[in-house]
Structure formats: structure tokens, C-alpha cells
Amino acid sequence: MSAVLSRAPSFPTCPKEPDTERGVSCSARQTGLRKGELFRLQWLDVDLDQEIILVKNTKSNKRYVPLNPTAVAILKAVPRKEDSVHVFVDPSSKEALKNIERAWRKALKAAKITQFRFHDLRHTFASRLVQQGVHLKAVQELLGHRQSSTTDRYAHLGPTDIREAVAKLKGPKAPDDQKTPEPKPAVDPVVPKPEPEEQATRQQDKKDEPEA
């Protein structure tokens, strides 16, 4: 996961007037949608005024995903075909776009990025949310994960936020001259053995499911 984030910042920014294929990758980075969800996206499920889209016919049925200003600007700029209900249309067939591999490889080459899949844009979206302090439950809903365990892979990205939250529970620090000495226990306290650390997060990254 950290390797994905290290390459993401250098990914080329979206132009003001993206073509259809570039619009797909730019939208993925801003919404976290899967490639197939973007290909199936229809204008009737997009509300640019309310800045929200309805994602349906997915593994988790349907969900609402808010649009940030960048995502709204991308969708407004994407070439629109009046005779098509789809947002991303193949200019040659006027049907829903089904493949952007050629454009994707070209974008990676221009940015000098290797070993970066389209699906990694989805991971980048989720990782940045967690780093900004967004709760994992909200991330789960945005990504459309049916199982919370799938979203838990991002939990390690926000340890600082967790420690700061726990630190807020402690009371004000007493002055040194007012500290009450701690009584000595009558018997030695029993120190519980620590539980084994979980390593599922890193293992999941290596065995990443394409549809996560």
C-alpha cells in the first residue's frame, strides 16, 4: 500500500478538458469507483447540482458517492454524447466505453510510473481519506465494501489519529509538587501477555482482489 501511495503523487494531473479515456482515470482518483462502475455510469445517476452520484448494479447493489469540486469539474468537461445515456462513451461506437488500456499505458509512460494498476487509483482514494482522519466506516460505504474486513486494510494508515484520540482522555497534568505518590501494591501485579500482532493488512496488499 505504501508503494502505491509513493507513486500516486507523481501521477499526471487531469487536464481542464479531458478526453473520455482520461476522464475515466481522473474520475477514479477522485471518487474511488471501480473501472467497471465508471464504464456503466449513466447521466441519470449523476446529479452535478447536488454533487452526488448513484452507483448501482455493483457487487454491493447500490450506494451514493458525493463529488468533490474536482470531480464535478471533470464530469462537466468530459465529452458528452447527446444520443447516449452513458457518461463515458466510446467515440467510435457511441456505446459505453469498455477499454482504456492503451490510454492508461500512455499516461503511465508520460509520468514515468511503473507497476501501477488502474485499480491502485481506488486504493489511493481510500488511503488518502484515512490519512485525513475519515472513519473506516465512511470509507467502507464510499468504496462499497460489503465486509468491513476488506476496508480494515487501510487502518494502519491512521495510527497517529488513533493515538491522539486516546491521548485526549487523560486529565490535566498535575504539578510536580502536588503529585500523589502511587501506593505500592501488596503483591506484584500480573502483566497480561500481549496478543500477537496482526499481519493481515500487508498480506492482503500482496494478494489484492481486483474488485476490492
N, C-alpha and C. Protein backbone atom coordinates (compact mmCIF):
# COMPACT_ATOMS: atom_id res chain seq x y z
N MET A 1 0.83 -1.21 0.00
CA MET A 1 0.00 0.00 0.00
C MET A 1 0.86 1.25 0.00
N SER A 2 1.93 1.25 0.79
CA SER A 2 2.79 2.42 0.84
C SER A 2 3.47 2.66 -0.50
N ALA A 3 3.75 1.56 -1.22
CA ALA A 3 4.37 1.71 -2.53
C ALA A 3 3.41 2.39 -3.50
N VAL A 4 2.14 2.06 -3.38
CA VAL A 4 1.13 2.69 -4.23
C VAL A 4 1.07 4.18 -3.97
N LEU A 5 1.05 4.58 -2.71
CA LEU A 5 0.97 5.99 -2.35
C LEU A 5 2.22 6.75 -2.79
N SER A 6 3.36 6.09 -2.75
CA SER A 6 4.59 6.78 -3.13
C SER A 6 4.61 7.14 -4.60
N ARG A 7 3.89 6.38 -5.42
CA ARG A 7 3.86 6.67 -6.85
C ARG A 7 2.70 7.57 -7.23
N ALA A 8 1.63 7.56 -6.43
CA ALA A 8 0.42 8.30 -6.78
C ALA A 8 0.62 9.80 -6.95
N PRO A 9 1.40 10.49 -6.08
CA PRO A 9 1.53 11.94 -6.22
C PRO A 9 2.10 12.39 -7.55
N SER A 10 2.91 11.54 -8.20
CA SER A 10 3.51 11.93 -9.47
C SER A 10 2.62 11.60 -10.65
N PHE A 11 1.44 11.03 -10.38
CA PHE A 11 0.53 10.69 -11.46
C PHE A 11 0.07 11.98 -12.13
N PRO A 12 0.02 12.02 -13.46
CA PRO A 12 -0.30 13.26 -14.16
C PRO A 12 -1.64 13.83 -13.73
N THR A 13 -1.69 15.15 -13.55
CA THR A 13 -2.92 15.80 -13.16
C THR A 13 -3.90 15.78 -14.32
N CYS A 14 -5.17 15.91 -13.99
CA CYS A 14 -6.19 15.86 -15.02
C CYS A 14 -6.26 17.20 -15.76
N PRO A 15 -6.28 17.18 -17.08
CA PRO A 15 -6.39 18.44 -17.82
C PRO A 15 -7.76 19.07 -17.64
N LYS A 16 -7.87 20.35 -17.96
CA LYS A 16 -9.15 21.05 -17.79
C LYS A 16 -10.22 20.50 -18.71
N GLU A 17 -9.82 20.01 -19.87
CA GLU A 17 -10.76 19.42 -20.81
C GLU A 17 -10.29 18.02 -21.18
N PRO A 18 -10.51 17.05 -20.29
CA PRO A 18 -10.01 15.69 -20.54
C PRO A 18 -10.82 14.99 -21.63
N ASP A 19 -10.15 14.11 -22.37
CA ASP A 19 -10.91 13.28 -23.30
C ASP A 19 -11.61 12.20 -22.49
N THR A 20 -12.38 11.38 -23.17
CA THR A 20 -13.20 10.39 -22.46
C THR A 20 -12.35 9.43 -21.64
N GLU A 21 -11.28 8.91 -22.22
CA GLU A 21 -10.45 7.93 -21.53
C GLU A 21 -9.73 8.54 -20.33
N ARG A 22 -9.20 9.75 -20.51
CA ARG A 22 -8.55 10.41 -19.38
C ARG A 22 -9.58 10.76 -18.31
N GLY A 23 -10.78 11.06 -18.73
CA GLY A 23 -11.84 11.38 -17.77
C GLY A 23 -12.15 10.22 -16.84
N VAL A 24 -12.03 9.00 -17.36
CA VAL A 24 -12.28 7.81 -16.54
C VAL A 24 -11.25 7.71 -15.42
N SER A 25 -9.97 7.84 -15.76
CA SER A 25 -8.92 7.71 -14.75
C SER A 25 -8.96 8.88 -13.77
N CYS A 26 -9.25 10.07 -14.25
CA CYS A 26 -9.34 11.23 -13.36
C CYS A 26 -10.50 11.06 -12.38
N SER A 27 -11.61 10.55 -12.87
CA SER A 27 -12.78 10.34 -12.01
C SER A 27 -12.52 9.25 -10.98
N ALA A 28 -11.79 8.22 -11.36
CA ALA A 28 -11.48 7.13 -10.43
C ALA A 28 -10.67 7.65 -9.26
N ARG A 29 -9.74 8.53 -9.54
CA ARG A 29 -8.88 9.06 -8.48
C ARG A 29 -9.67 9.93 -7.50
N GLN A 30 -10.74 10.58 -7.98
CA GLN A 30 -11.50 11.49 -7.13
C GLN A 30 -12.71 10.85 -6.47
N THR A 31 -13.15 9.69 -6.97
CA THR A 31 -14.35 9.05 -6.43
C THR A 31 -14.12 7.67 -5.85
N GLY A 32 -13.03 7.01 -6.23
CA GLY A 32 -12.78 5.66 -5.75
C GLY A 32 -13.60 4.60 -6.44
N LEU A 33 -14.29 4.95 -7.52
CA LEU A 33 -15.10 3.97 -8.23
C LEU A 33 -14.24 2.95 -8.96
N ARG A 34 -14.77 1.74 -9.09
CA ARG A 34 -14.10 0.71 -9.85
C ARG A 34 -14.20 1.06 -11.34
N LYS A 35 -13.33 0.46 -12.12
CA LYS A 35 -13.34 0.73 -13.56
C LYS A 35 -14.69 0.36 -14.18
N GLY A 36 -15.20 -0.81 -13.81
CA GLY A 36 -16.49 -1.24 -14.35
C GLY A 36 -17.63 -0.33 -13.95
N GLU A 37 -17.58 0.21 -12.73
CA GLU A 37 -18.62 1.13 -12.27
C GLU A 37 -18.60 2.42 -13.08
N LEU A 38 -17.42 2.88 -13.43
CA LEU A 38 -17.31 4.08 -14.25
C LEU A 38 -17.79 3.81 -15.67
N PHE A 39 -17.45 2.66 -16.21
CA PHE A 39 -17.91 2.31 -17.55
C PHE A 39 -19.44 2.24 -17.62
N ARG A 40 -20.07 1.76 -16.55
CA ARG A 40 -21.54 1.61 -16.53
C ARG A 40 -22.27 2.88 -16.10
N LEU A 41 -21.55 3.87 -15.64
CA LEU A 41 -22.19 5.08 -15.10
C LEU A 41 -23.03 5.80 -16.17
N GLN A 42 -24.27 6.14 -15.79
CA GLN A 42 -25.17 6.84 -16.70
C GLN A 42 -25.48 8.23 -16.16
N TRP A 43 -25.83 9.14 -17.07
CA TRP A 43 -26.09 10.51 -16.68
C TRP A 43 -27.28 10.64 -15.75
N LEU A 44 -28.24 9.74 -15.85
CA LEU A 44 -29.42 9.82 -14.98
C LEU A 44 -29.05 9.52 -13.53
N ASP A 45 -27.87 8.96 -13.31
CA ASP A 45 -27.40 8.66 -11.95
C ASP A 45 -26.41 9.71 -11.46
N VAL A 46 -26.22 10.76 -12.23
CA VAL A 46 -25.28 11.83 -11.88
C VAL A 46 -26.06 13.12 -11.62
N ASP A 47 -25.89 13.70 -10.45
CA ASP A 47 -26.52 14.98 -10.12
C ASP A 47 -25.40 15.98 -9.83
N LEU A 48 -25.05 16.75 -10.84
CA LEU A 48 -23.95 17.70 -10.68
C LEU A 48 -24.35 18.88 -9.81
N ASP A 49 -25.63 19.20 -9.76
CA ASP A 49 -26.08 20.30 -8.92
C ASP A 49 -25.96 19.94 -7.44
N GLN A 50 -26.38 18.71 -7.11
CA GLN A 50 -26.28 18.24 -5.73
C GLN A 50 -24.91 17.63 -5.43
N GLU A 51 -24.10 17.52 -6.47
CA GLU A 51 -22.74 16.98 -6.34
C GLU A 51 -22.74 15.59 -5.72
N ILE A 52 -23.45 14.69 -6.37
CA ILE A 52 -23.53 13.31 -5.89
C ILE A 52 -23.85 12.39 -7.06
N ILE A 53 -23.40 11.15 -6.98
CA ILE A 53 -23.74 10.16 -7.99
C ILE A 53 -24.27 8.91 -7.32
N LEU A 54 -25.11 8.20 -8.04
CA LEU A 54 -25.64 6.93 -7.58
C LEU A 54 -24.93 5.81 -8.33
N VAL A 55 -24.27 4.95 -7.59
CA VAL A 55 -23.56 3.82 -8.18
C VAL A 55 -24.41 2.58 -7.95
N LYS A 56 -24.84 1.94 -9.02
CA LYS A 56 -25.71 0.76 -8.88
C LYS A 56 -25.23 -0.37 -9.77
N ASN A 57 -25.89 -1.51 -9.60
CA ASN A 57 -25.52 -2.73 -10.33
C ASN A 57 -24.09 -3.13 -10.02
N THR A 58 -23.70 -2.99 -8.77
CA THR A 58 -22.36 -3.40 -8.33
C THR A 58 -22.49 -4.62 -7.44
N LYS A 59 -21.35 -5.08 -6.93
CA LYS A 59 -21.36 -6.24 -6.03
C LYS A 59 -22.18 -5.95 -4.77
N SER A 60 -22.20 -4.70 -4.35
CA SER A 60 -22.94 -4.35 -3.13
C SER A 60 -24.21 -3.59 -3.46
N ASN A 61 -24.82 -3.90 -4.60
CA ASN A 61 -26.07 -3.32 -5.07
C ASN A 61 -25.92 -1.85 -5.45
N LYS A 62 -26.18 -0.93 -4.54
CA LYS A 62 -26.06 0.49 -4.91
C LYS A 62 -25.58 1.31 -3.71
N ARG A 63 -25.00 2.47 -4.03
CA ARG A 63 -24.52 3.38 -2.98
C ARG A 63 -24.42 4.78 -3.56
N TYR A 64 -24.42 5.76 -2.69
CA TYR A 64 -24.26 7.16 -3.11
C TYR A 64 -22.83 7.60 -2.81
N VAL A 65 -22.24 8.30 -3.76
CA VAL A 65 -20.88 8.81 -3.60
C VAL A 65 -20.89 10.31 -3.86
N PRO A 66 -20.57 11.12 -2.86
CA PRO A 66 -20.51 12.58 -3.06
C PRO A 66 -19.36 12.94 -4.00
N LEU A 67 -19.52 14.05 -4.70
CA LEU A 67 -18.49 14.52 -5.61
C LEU A 67 -17.81 15.76 -5.05
N ASN A 68 -16.49 15.76 -5.04
CA ASN A 68 -15.78 16.96 -4.64
C ASN A 68 -15.73 17.91 -5.84
N PRO A 69 -15.33 19.17 -5.65
CA PRO A 69 -15.31 20.13 -6.77
C PRO A 69 -14.49 19.67 -7.96
N THR A 70 -13.38 18.97 -7.70
CA THR A 70 -12.56 18.48 -8.80
C THR A 70 -13.31 17.45 -9.63
N ALA A 71 -14.01 16.53 -8.96
CA ALA A 71 -14.78 15.50 -9.67
C ALA A 71 -15.91 16.13 -10.49
N VAL A 72 -16.57 17.14 -9.93
CA VAL A 72 -17.64 17.83 -10.65
C VAL A 72 -17.09 18.47 -11.92
N ALA A 73 -15.95 19.13 -11.79
CA ALA A 73 -15.35 19.79 -12.95
C ALA A 73 -14.96 18.79 -14.03
N ILE A 74 -14.48 17.62 -13.61
CA ILE A 74 -14.10 16.58 -14.57
C ILE A 74 -15.31 16.10 -15.35
N LEU A 75 -16.39 15.80 -14.64
CA LEU A 75 -17.60 15.29 -15.31
C LEU A 75 -18.23 16.33 -16.22
N LYS A 76 -18.15 17.59 -15.83
CA LYS A 76 -18.69 18.64 -16.69
C LYS A 76 -17.88 18.80 -17.97
N ALA A 77 -16.59 18.49 -17.89
CA ALA A 77 -15.70 18.69 -19.03
C ALA A 77 -15.62 17.48 -19.96
N VAL A 78 -16.05 16.31 -19.48
CA VAL A 78 -15.97 15.11 -20.30
C VAL A 78 -16.87 15.25 -21.53
N PRO A 79 -16.38 14.89 -22.71
CA PRO A 79 -17.21 14.97 -23.93
C PRO A 79 -18.51 14.21 -23.76
N ARG A 80 -19.62 14.87 -24.06
CA ARG A 80 -20.92 14.27 -23.83
C ARG A 80 -21.62 13.99 -25.16
N LYS A 81 -22.15 12.78 -25.28
CA LYS A 81 -22.88 12.38 -26.47
C LYS A 81 -24.38 12.46 -26.18
N GLU A 82 -25.07 13.32 -26.92
CA GLU A 82 -26.49 13.54 -26.66
C GLU A 82 -27.33 12.29 -26.89
N ASP A 83 -26.90 11.43 -27.78
CA ASP A 83 -27.69 10.23 -28.09
C ASP A 83 -27.27 9.03 -27.25
N SER A 84 -26.48 9.25 -26.19
CA SER A 84 -26.05 8.15 -25.33
C SER A 84 -26.39 8.45 -23.88
N VAL A 85 -26.80 7.43 -23.14
CA VAL A 85 -27.14 7.60 -21.72
C VAL A 85 -25.91 7.46 -20.84
N HIS A 86 -24.81 6.99 -21.40
CA HIS A 86 -23.61 6.72 -20.62
C HIS A 86 -22.75 7.98 -20.50
N VAL A 87 -22.06 8.07 -19.37
CA VAL A 87 -21.18 9.21 -19.14
C VAL A 87 -19.91 9.09 -19.97
N PHE A 88 -19.33 7.92 -19.99
CA PHE A 88 -18.08 7.70 -20.73
C PHE A 88 -18.39 6.84 -21.96
N VAL A 89 -18.34 7.47 -23.11
CA VAL A 89 -18.78 6.83 -24.35
C VAL A 89 -17.60 6.62 -25.29
N ASP A 90 -17.58 5.44 -25.90
CA ASP A 90 -16.57 5.14 -26.92
C ASP A 90 -16.87 5.98 -28.15
N PRO A 91 -15.97 6.89 -28.53
CA PRO A 91 -16.26 7.78 -29.67
C PRO A 91 -16.45 7.05 -30.99
N SER A 92 -15.90 5.85 -31.11
CA SER A 92 -16.01 5.12 -32.37
C SER A 92 -17.33 4.36 -32.50
N SER A 93 -17.85 3.87 -31.37
CA SER A 93 -19.08 3.06 -31.42
C SER A 93 -20.29 3.75 -30.81
N LYS A 94 -20.04 4.83 -30.04
CA LYS A 94 -21.09 5.55 -29.32
C LYS A 94 -21.77 4.67 -28.27
N GLU A 95 -21.12 3.59 -27.92
CA GLU A 95 -21.58 2.72 -26.83
C GLU A 95 -20.75 3.03 -25.58
N ALA A 96 -21.12 2.40 -24.47
CA ALA A 96 -20.37 2.61 -23.24
C ALA A 96 -18.92 2.19 -23.42
N LEU A 97 -18.02 2.99 -22.91
CA LEU A 97 -16.60 2.68 -23.01
C LEU A 97 -16.30 1.37 -22.29
N LYS A 98 -15.45 0.55 -22.87
CA LYS A 98 -15.17 -0.76 -22.29
C LYS A 98 -13.68 -1.00 -22.06
N ASN A 99 -12.84 -0.18 -22.63
CA ASN A 99 -11.40 -0.43 -22.51
C ASN A 99 -10.62 0.88 -22.63
N ILE A 100 -9.68 1.09 -21.70
CA ILE A 100 -8.83 2.28 -21.76
C ILE A 100 -7.36 1.90 -21.58
N GLU A 101 -7.04 0.64 -21.83
CA GLU A 101 -5.69 0.15 -21.56
C GLU A 101 -4.63 0.93 -22.33
N ARG A 102 -4.90 1.23 -23.58
CA ARG A 102 -3.92 1.95 -24.38
C ARG A 102 -3.65 3.33 -23.81
N ALA A 103 -4.71 4.05 -23.48
CA ALA A 103 -4.56 5.39 -22.90
C ALA A 103 -3.92 5.32 -21.53
N TRP A 104 -4.23 4.27 -20.78
CA TRP A 104 -3.66 4.11 -19.43
C TRP A 104 -2.16 3.90 -19.50
N ARG A 105 -1.72 3.03 -20.39
CA ARG A 105 -0.28 2.79 -20.54
C ARG A 105 0.45 4.06 -21.00
N LYS A 106 -0.20 4.81 -21.85
CA LYS A 106 0.39 6.06 -22.34
C LYS A 106 0.56 7.06 -21.20
N ALA A 107 -0.46 7.14 -20.33
CA ALA A 107 -0.39 8.07 -19.20
C ALA A 107 0.71 7.67 -18.22
N LEU A 108 0.85 6.37 -17.98
CA LEU A 108 1.91 5.89 -17.08
C LEU A 108 3.29 6.17 -17.65
N LYS A 109 3.43 5.97 -18.94
CA LYS A 109 4.72 6.21 -19.59
C LYS A 109 5.09 7.69 -19.51
N ALA A 110 4.11 8.56 -19.73
CA ALA A 110 4.36 10.00 -19.67
C ALA A 110 4.78 10.44 -18.27
N ALA A 111 4.20 9.77 -17.26
CA ALA A 111 4.52 10.11 -15.86
C ALA A 111 5.72 9.33 -15.33
N LYS A 112 6.27 8.44 -16.16
CA LYS A 112 7.42 7.60 -15.77
C LYS A 112 7.09 6.77 -14.53
N ILE A 113 5.91 6.16 -14.57
CA ILE A 113 5.45 5.33 -13.46
C ILE A 113 5.37 3.88 -13.94
N THR A 114 5.86 2.97 -13.13
CA THR A 114 5.80 1.54 -13.45
C THR A 114 5.05 0.80 -12.34
N GLN A 115 4.53 -0.36 -12.67
CA GLN A 115 3.86 -1.23 -11.70
C GLN A 115 2.74 -0.49 -10.95
N PHE A 116 1.92 0.18 -11.69
CA PHE A 116 0.80 0.91 -11.10
C PHE A 116 -0.44 0.58 -11.91
N ARG A 117 -1.39 -0.11 -11.28
CA ARG A 117 -2.59 -0.55 -11.98
C ARG A 117 -3.69 0.50 -11.86
N PHE A 118 -4.66 0.41 -12.74
CA PHE A 118 -5.79 1.34 -12.66
C PHE A 118 -6.48 1.20 -11.31
N HIS A 119 -6.58 -0.02 -10.81
CA HIS A 119 -7.25 -0.27 -9.53
C HIS A 119 -6.53 0.41 -8.37
N ASP A 120 -5.25 0.72 -8.55
CA ASP A 120 -4.50 1.40 -7.50
C ASP A 120 -5.00 2.83 -7.27
N LEU A 121 -5.69 3.40 -8.24
CA LEU A 121 -6.30 4.72 -8.04
C LEU A 121 -7.36 4.64 -6.96
N ARG A 122 -8.05 3.52 -6.91
CA ARG A 122 -9.07 3.29 -5.88
C ARG A 122 -8.41 3.17 -4.50
N HIS A 123 -7.29 2.47 -4.44
CA HIS A 123 -6.56 2.35 -3.18
C HIS A 123 -6.03 3.72 -2.73
N THR A 124 -5.58 4.51 -3.69
CA THR A 124 -5.07 5.84 -3.37
C THR A 124 -6.18 6.70 -2.78
N PHE A 125 -7.35 6.64 -3.37
CA PHE A 125 -8.51 7.39 -2.88
C PHE A 125 -8.81 7.02 -1.43
N ALA A 126 -8.89 5.73 -1.15
CA ALA A 126 -9.21 5.26 0.20
C ALA A 126 -8.11 5.61 1.19
N SER A 127 -6.87 5.42 0.78
CA SER A 127 -5.75 5.68 1.68
C SER A 127 -5.68 7.14 2.10
N ARG A 128 -5.91 8.02 1.17
CA ARG A 128 -5.86 9.44 1.49
C ARG A 128 -7.01 9.85 2.40
N LEU A 129 -8.16 9.22 2.24
CA LEU A 129 -9.27 9.51 3.15
C LEU A 129 -8.89 9.15 4.59
N VAL A 130 -8.32 7.97 4.76
CA VAL A 130 -7.94 7.52 6.10
C VAL A 130 -6.87 8.43 6.68
N GLN A 131 -5.93 8.83 5.87
CA GLN A 131 -4.86 9.71 6.34
C GLN A 131 -5.40 11.08 6.77
N GLN A 132 -6.54 11.46 6.20
CA GLN A 132 -7.16 12.73 6.58
C GLN A 132 -8.09 12.59 7.77
N GLY A 133 -8.13 11.39 8.36
CA GLY A 133 -8.92 11.18 9.56
C GLY A 133 -10.34 10.71 9.32
N VAL A 134 -10.69 10.33 8.09
CA VAL A 134 -12.03 9.83 7.81
C VAL A 134 -12.21 8.45 8.43
N HIS A 135 -13.35 8.23 9.09
CA HIS A 135 -13.60 6.96 9.77
C HIS A 135 -13.69 5.82 8.77
N LEU A 136 -13.20 4.66 9.17
CA LEU A 136 -13.19 3.50 8.28
C LEU A 136 -14.59 3.10 7.82
N LYS A 137 -15.59 3.34 8.66
CA LYS A 137 -16.96 3.02 8.28
C LYS A 137 -17.40 3.86 7.09
N ALA A 138 -17.04 5.13 7.09
CA ALA A 138 -17.37 6.01 5.97
C ALA A 138 -16.62 5.58 4.71
N VAL A 139 -15.37 5.18 4.88
CA VAL A 139 -14.58 4.71 3.74
C VAL A 139 -15.20 3.44 3.17
N GLN A 140 -15.66 2.56 4.03
CA GLN A 140 -16.32 1.32 3.59
C GLN A 140 -17.54 1.62 2.74
N GLU A 141 -18.36 2.59 3.17
CA GLU A 141 -19.56 2.93 2.42
C GLU A 141 -19.22 3.58 1.08
N LEU A 142 -18.21 4.42 1.06
CA LEU A 142 -17.82 5.07 -0.18
C LEU A 142 -17.28 4.07 -1.21
N LEU A 143 -16.54 3.08 -0.73
CA LEU A 143 -15.96 2.09 -1.63
C LEU A 143 -16.95 0.98 -2.00
N GLY A 144 -18.02 0.85 -1.21
CA GLY A 144 -18.99 -0.21 -1.49
C GLY A 144 -18.53 -1.57 -1.05
N HIS A 145 -17.71 -1.63 0.01
CA HIS A 145 -17.27 -2.92 0.55
C HIS A 145 -18.39 -3.54 1.37
N ARG A 146 -18.71 -4.78 1.11
CA ARG A 146 -19.73 -5.46 1.90
C ARG A 146 -19.21 -5.87 3.26
N GLN A 147 -17.93 -6.22 3.33
CA GLN A 147 -17.33 -6.66 4.57
C GLN A 147 -16.38 -5.58 5.10
N SER A 148 -16.51 -5.25 6.38
CA SER A 148 -15.62 -4.25 6.97
C SER A 148 -14.17 -4.72 6.97
N SER A 149 -13.97 -6.03 6.97
CA SER A 149 -12.60 -6.57 6.97
C SER A 149 -11.84 -6.17 5.71
N THR A 150 -12.56 -5.94 4.61
CA THR A 150 -11.91 -5.51 3.38
C THR A 150 -11.37 -4.10 3.52
N THR A 151 -12.11 -3.27 4.24
CA THR A 151 -11.69 -1.87 4.45
C THR A 151 -10.61 -1.78 5.51
N ASP A 152 -10.54 -2.75 6.39
CA ASP A 152 -9.59 -2.70 7.50
C ASP A 152 -8.14 -2.67 7.04
N ARG A 153 -7.90 -3.02 5.78
CA ARG A 153 -6.53 -2.99 5.27
C ARG A 153 -5.93 -1.59 5.33
N TYR A 154 -6.79 -0.57 5.41
CA TYR A 154 -6.31 0.82 5.43
C TYR A 154 -6.13 1.35 6.84
N ALA A 155 -6.46 0.54 7.85
CA ALA A 155 -6.45 1.03 9.23
C ALA A 155 -5.06 1.48 9.67
N HIS A 156 -4.02 0.82 9.18
CA HIS A 156 -2.66 1.15 9.62
C HIS A 156 -2.19 2.51 9.14
N LEU A 157 -2.94 3.13 8.23
CA LEU A 157 -2.51 4.41 7.69
C LEU A 157 -2.86 5.57 8.60
N GLY A 158 -3.67 5.32 9.64
CA GLY A 158 -4.04 6.41 10.53
C GLY A 158 -3.70 6.19 11.98
N PRO A 159 -2.55 5.60 12.32
CA PRO A 159 -2.24 5.34 13.73
C PRO A 159 -2.05 6.60 14.55
N THR A 160 -1.56 7.66 13.93
CA THR A 160 -1.34 8.90 14.66
C THR A 160 -2.66 9.47 15.16
N ASP A 161 -3.69 9.42 14.31
CA ASP A 161 -5.00 9.92 14.69
C ASP A 161 -5.56 9.12 15.87
N ILE A 162 -5.33 7.81 15.86
CA ILE A 162 -5.84 6.96 16.93
C ILE A 162 -5.15 7.28 18.24
N ARG A 163 -3.83 7.44 18.22
CA ARG A 163 -3.09 7.75 19.44
C ARG A 163 -3.50 9.11 20.00
N GLU A 164 -3.71 10.08 19.10
CA GLU A 164 -4.12 11.40 19.56
C GLU A 164 -5.50 11.36 20.19
N ALA A 165 -6.38 10.52 19.65
CA ALA A 165 -7.72 10.40 20.21
C ALA A 165 -7.68 9.84 21.62
N VAL A 166 -6.86 8.81 21.84
CA VAL A 166 -6.74 8.21 23.16
C VAL A 166 -6.07 9.19 24.13
N ALA A 167 -5.10 9.95 23.64
CA ALA A 167 -4.39 10.89 24.50
C ALA A 167 -5.31 11.95 25.07
N LYS A 168 -6.41 12.26 24.36
CA LYS A 168 -7.34 13.28 24.82
C LYS A 168 -8.10 12.84 26.07
N LEU A 169 -8.09 11.56 26.38
CA LEU A 169 -8.82 11.05 27.53
C LEU A 169 -8.11 11.32 28.84
N LYS A 170 -6.83 11.58 28.81
CA LYS A 170 -6.10 11.81 30.05
C LYS A 170 -6.44 13.19 30.61
N GLY A 171 -6.43 13.30 31.95
CA GLY A 171 -6.75 14.56 32.60
C GLY A 171 -5.58 15.52 32.54
N PRO A 172 -5.77 16.75 33.05
CA PRO A 172 -4.66 17.71 33.06
C PRO A 172 -3.51 17.22 33.92
N LYS A 173 -2.32 17.53 33.48
CA LYS A 173 -1.12 17.07 34.19
C LYS A 173 -0.96 17.83 35.50
N ALA A 174 -0.78 17.10 36.59
CA ALA A 174 -0.66 17.72 37.90
C ALA A 174 0.75 18.28 38.08
N PRO A 175 0.88 19.42 38.79
CA PRO A 175 2.23 19.95 39.08
C PRO A 175 3.05 18.94 39.85
N ASP A 176 4.37 19.01 39.69
CA ASP A 176 5.25 18.04 40.33
C ASP A 176 5.11 18.04 41.85
N ASP A 177 4.87 19.25 42.44
CA ASP A 177 4.80 19.32 43.90
C ASP A 177 3.46 18.86 44.45
N GLN A 178 2.48 18.61 43.55
CA GLN A 178 1.16 18.17 44.01
C GLN A 178 0.88 16.72 43.65
N LYS A 179 1.83 16.07 43.05
CA LYS A 179 1.61 14.69 42.67
C LYS A 179 1.48 13.80 43.89
N THR A 180 0.50 12.93 43.87
CA THR A 180 0.30 11.98 44.96
C THR A 180 1.09 10.72 44.66
N PRO A 181 1.94 10.32 45.59
CA PRO A 181 2.74 9.12 45.33
C PRO A 181 1.85 7.90 45.17
N GLU A 182 2.19 7.08 44.21
CA GLU A 182 1.40 5.89 43.96
C GLU A 182 1.67 4.85 45.04
N PRO A 183 0.62 4.26 45.63
CA PRO A 183 0.82 3.23 46.65
C PRO A 183 1.44 1.98 46.06
N LYS A 184 2.28 1.35 46.84
CA LYS A 184 2.91 0.13 46.37
C LYS A 184 1.93 -1.02 46.48
N PRO A 185 1.82 -1.83 45.48
CA PRO A 185 0.88 -2.96 45.55
C PRO A 185 1.35 -3.99 46.58
N ALA A 186 0.35 -4.64 47.16
CA ALA A 186 0.67 -5.65 48.17
C ALA A 186 1.37 -6.84 47.55
N VAL A 187 0.99 -7.12 46.32
CA VAL A 187 1.63 -8.22 45.60
C VAL A 187 2.04 -7.69 44.23
N ASP A 188 2.93 -8.39 43.60
CA ASP A 188 3.36 -7.99 42.27
C ASP A 188 2.18 -8.09 41.30
N PRO A 189 1.93 -7.04 40.53
CA PRO A 189 0.81 -7.09 39.58
C PRO A 189 1.06 -8.10 38.48
N VAL A 190 -0.01 -8.66 37.97
CA VAL A 190 0.09 -9.63 36.88
C VAL A 190 0.02 -8.85 35.57
N VAL A 191 1.04 -8.97 34.78
CA VAL A 191 1.09 -8.28 33.50
C VAL A 191 0.60 -9.23 32.42
N PRO A 192 -0.52 -8.89 31.74
CA PRO A 192 -1.03 -9.81 30.71
C PRO A 192 -0.08 -9.89 29.53
N LYS A 193 -0.02 -11.05 28.94
CA LYS A 193 0.82 -11.23 27.76
C LYS A 193 0.19 -10.52 26.57
N PRO A 194 0.99 -9.80 25.79
CA PRO A 194 0.43 -9.10 24.62
C PRO A 194 -0.05 -10.09 23.57
N GLU A 195 -1.13 -9.72 22.90
CA GLU A 195 -1.65 -10.56 21.83
C GLU A 195 -0.72 -10.46 20.63
N PRO A 196 -0.64 -11.51 19.82
CA PRO A 196 0.23 -11.47 18.62
C PRO A 196 -0.25 -10.42 17.65
N GLU A 197 0.69 -9.71 17.05
CA GLU A 197 0.33 -8.65 16.11
C GLU A 197 -0.26 -9.23 14.84
N GLU A 198 -1.26 -8.55 14.32
CA GLU A 198 -1.88 -9.00 13.09
C GLU A 198 -1.07 -8.53 11.89
N GLN A 199 -0.94 -9.40 10.92
CA GLN A 199 -0.18 -9.06 9.72
C GLN A 199 -1.05 -9.14 8.48
N ALA A 200 -2.38 -9.14 8.67
CA ALA A 200 -3.29 -9.34 7.54
C ALA A 200 -3.24 -8.21 6.54
N THR A 201 -3.00 -6.98 7.02
CA THR A 201 -3.05 -5.82 6.12
C THR A 201 -2.03 -5.92 5.00
N ARG A 202 -0.76 -6.18 5.37
CA ARG A 202 0.27 -6.24 4.34
C ARG A 202 0.10 -7.45 3.44
N GLN A 203 -0.37 -8.56 4.04
CA GLN A 203 -0.59 -9.75 3.23
C GLN A 203 -1.69 -9.52 2.22
N GLN A 204 -2.73 -8.77 2.60
CA GLN A 204 -3.84 -8.51 1.70
C GLN A 204 -3.38 -7.66 0.52
N ASP A 205 -2.46 -6.74 0.76
CA ASP A 205 -1.97 -5.89 -0.32
C ASP A 205 -1.28 -6.74 -1.39
N LYS A 206 -0.57 -7.78 -0.95
CA LYS A 206 0.13 -8.64 -1.89
C LYS A 206 -0.85 -9.52 -2.67
N LYS A 207 -1.98 -9.82 -2.02
CA LYS A 207 -2.99 -10.69 -2.64
C LYS A 207 -4.24 -9.88 -2.94
N ASP A 208 -4.05 -8.69 -3.40
CA ASP A 208 -5.17 -7.74 -3.59
C ASP A 208 -6.21 -8.28 -4.55
N GLU A 209 -7.47 -8.25 -4.15
CA GLU A 209 -8.54 -8.68 -5.00
C GLU A 209 -8.87 -7.59 -6.01
N PRO A 210 -9.01 -7.91 -7.29
CA PRO A 210 -9.27 -6.88 -8.29
C PRO A 210 -10.53 -6.07 -8.02
N GLU A 211 -11.52 -6.67 -7.38
CA GLU A 211 -12.79 -6.00 -7.18
C GLU A 211 -12.94 -5.39 -5.80
N ALA A 212 -11.89 -5.31 -5.00
CA ALA A 212 -12.00 -4.75 -3.64
C ALA A 212 -12.29 -3.28 -3.69
